[in-house]
Amino acid sequence: MRNPFLPVVNLIVITAFIFAFVAAETKHRIILVTIMVLLFILPSLFQSPALGWVFYAGRVIFGIACYIYIKWRGLLT
């Protein structure tokens, strides 16, 4: 069964990632891009319902972490 919230979560995570990428320094940008690629490419390589939910939870946690990073850097007030 397909998760109906997946496109919304993907949009929120990508938006938070873009703001965090803009706020980050070079070393942090590489880490952010690596995590983002792993969360969006690996599910297509390993197709399993259990892993799908793990990657979904990882995207949610990554989005929250990006939001916290943005607030910590002072990009959003």
C-alpha atoms as a PDB file:
ATOM      1  CA  MET A   1       0.000   0.000   0.000  1.00  0.00           C
ATOM      2  CA  ARG A   2       1.367   3.375  -1.030  1.00  0.00           C
ATOM      3  CA  ASN A   3       1.773   6.072   1.595  1.00  0.00           C
ATOM      4  CA  PRO A   4      -0.413   9.089   0.645  1.00  0.00           C
ATOM      5  CA  PHE A   5       1.820  11.506   2.562  1.00  0.00           C
ATOM      6  CA  LEU A   6       5.027  10.590   0.735  1.00  0.00           C
ATOM      7  CA  PRO A   7       4.910  13.439  -1.864  1.00  0.00           C
ATOM      8  CA  VAL A   8       4.182  16.001   0.865  1.00  0.00           C
ATOM      9  CA  VAL A   9       7.017  14.730   3.051  1.00  0.00           C
ATOM     10  CA  ASN A  10       9.390  14.710   0.069  1.00  0.00           C
ATOM     11  CA  LEU A  11       8.507  18.331  -0.754  1.00  0.00           C
ATOM     12  CA  ILE A  12       9.020  19.457   2.850  1.00  0.00           C
ATOM     13  CA  VAL A  13      12.324  17.582   3.158  1.00  0.00           C
ATOM     14  CA  ILE A  14      13.644  18.984  -0.124  1.00  0.00           C
ATOM     15  CA  THR A  15      12.664  22.527   0.873  1.00  0.00           C
ATOM     16  CA  ALA A  16      14.308  22.186   4.299  1.00  0.00           C
ATOM     17  CA  PHE A  17      17.382  20.659   2.634  1.00  0.00           C
ATOM     18  CA  ILE A  18      17.719  23.599   0.239  1.00  0.00           C
ATOM     19  CA  PHE A  19      17.571  26.135   3.071  1.00  0.00           C
ATOM     20  CA  ALA A  20      20.041  24.110   5.155  1.00  0.00           C
ATOM     21  CA  PHE A  21      22.348  23.779   2.130  1.00  0.00           C
ATOM     22  CA  VAL A  22      22.343  27.548   1.677  1.00  0.00           C
ATOM     23  CA  ALA A  23      23.098  28.114   5.369  1.00  0.00           C
ATOM     24  CA  ALA A  24      25.816  25.447   5.625  1.00  0.00           C
ATOM     25  CA  GLU A  25      29.526  25.748   5.176  1.00  0.00           C
ATOM     26  CA  THR A  26      31.436  23.604   2.670  1.00  0.00           C
ATOM     27  CA  LYS A  27      32.095  20.635   4.960  1.00  0.00           C
ATOM     28  CA  HIS A  28      28.481  20.511   6.134  1.00  0.00           C
ATOM     29  CA  ARG A  29      27.198  20.812   2.561  1.00  0.00           C
ATOM     30  CA  ILE A  30      29.002  17.615   1.597  1.00  0.00           C
ATOM     31  CA  ILE A  31      27.479  15.784   4.556  1.00  0.00           C
ATOM     32  CA  LEU A  32      23.980  17.094   3.764  1.00  0.00           C
ATOM     33  CA  VAL A  33      24.214  16.122   0.106  1.00  0.00           C
ATOM     34  CA  THR A  34      25.496  12.645   0.963  1.00  0.00           C
ATOM     35  CA  ILE A  35      22.628  11.976   3.364  1.00  0.00           C
ATOM     36  CA  MET A  36      20.098  13.372   0.899  1.00  0.00           C
ATOM     37  CA  VAL A  37      21.362  11.180  -1.935  1.00  0.00           C
ATOM     38  CA  LEU A  38      21.346   8.085   0.266  1.00  0.00           C
ATOM     39  CA  LEU A  39      17.786   8.721   1.422  1.00  0.00           C
ATOM     40  CA  PHE A  40      16.425   9.269  -2.079  1.00  0.00           C
ATOM     41  CA  ILE A  41      18.508   6.833  -4.195  1.00  0.00           C
ATOM     42  CA  LEU A  42      18.803   3.762  -1.960  1.00  0.00           C
ATOM     43  CA  PRO A  43      15.037   3.058  -1.793  1.00  0.00           C
ATOM     44  CA  SER A  44      14.987   2.583  -5.553  1.00  0.00           C
ATOM     45  CA  LEU A  45      17.913   0.145  -5.357  1.00  0.00           C
ATOM     46  CA  PHE A  46      16.561  -1.930  -2.467  1.00  0.00           C
ATOM     47  CA  GLN A  47      12.815  -2.318  -2.857  1.00  0.00           C
ATOM     48  CA  SER A  48      11.312  -3.792   0.275  1.00  0.00           C
ATOM     49  CA  PRO A  49       8.252  -2.657   2.230  1.00  0.00           C
ATOM     50  CA  ALA A  50      10.155  -2.716   5.515  1.00  0.00           C
ATOM     51  CA  LEU A  51      13.081  -0.745   4.104  1.00  0.00           C
ATOM     52  CA  GLY A  52      10.633   1.664   2.488  1.00  0.00           C
ATOM     53  CA  TRP A  53       9.291   2.582   5.905  1.00  0.00           C
ATOM     54  CA  VAL A  54      12.810   2.887   7.295  1.00  0.00           C
ATOM     55  CA  PHE A  55      13.787   5.306   4.523  1.00  0.00           C
ATOM     56  CA  TYR A  56      10.496   7.190   5.011  1.00  0.00           C
ATOM     57  CA  ALA A  57      11.299   7.624   8.706  1.00  0.00           C
ATOM     58  CA  GLY A  58      14.845   8.631   7.758  1.00  0.00           C
ATOM     59  CA  ARG A  59      13.515  11.338   5.462  1.00  0.00           C
ATOM     60  CA  VAL A  60      11.274  12.693   8.207  1.00  0.00           C
ATOM     61  CA  ILE A  61      14.153  12.743  10.697  1.00  0.00           C
ATOM     62  CA  PHE A  62      16.451  14.327   8.109  1.00  0.00           C
ATOM     63  CA  GLY A  63      13.857  17.032   7.402  1.00  0.00           C
ATOM     64  CA  ILE A  64      13.502  17.791  11.096  1.00  0.00           C
ATOM     65  CA  ALA A  65      17.290  17.907  11.465  1.00  0.00           C
ATOM     66  CA  CYS A  66      17.555  20.330   8.532  1.00  0.00           C
ATOM     67  CA  TYR A  67      14.900  22.544  10.102  1.00  0.00           C
ATOM     68  CA  ILE A  68      16.737  22.552  13.428  1.00  0.00           C
ATOM     69  CA  TYR A  69      19.996  23.359  11.629  1.00  0.00           C
ATOM     70  CA  ILE A  70      18.322  26.264   9.818  1.00  0.00           C
ATOM     71  CA  LYS A  71      16.947  27.655  13.079  1.00  0.00           C
ATOM     72  CA  TRP A  72      20.304  27.156  14.806  1.00  0.00           C
ATOM     73  CA  ARG A  73      22.160  29.055  12.068  1.00  0.00           C
ATOM     74  CA  GLY A  74      19.629  31.886  12.299  1.00  0.00           C
ATOM     75  CA  LEU A  75      18.467  31.748   8.682  1.00  0.00           C
ATOM     76  CA  LEU A  76      14.811  31.750   9.728  1.00  0.00           C
ATOM     77  CA  THR A  77      13.675  33.987  12.536  1.00  0.00           C
END
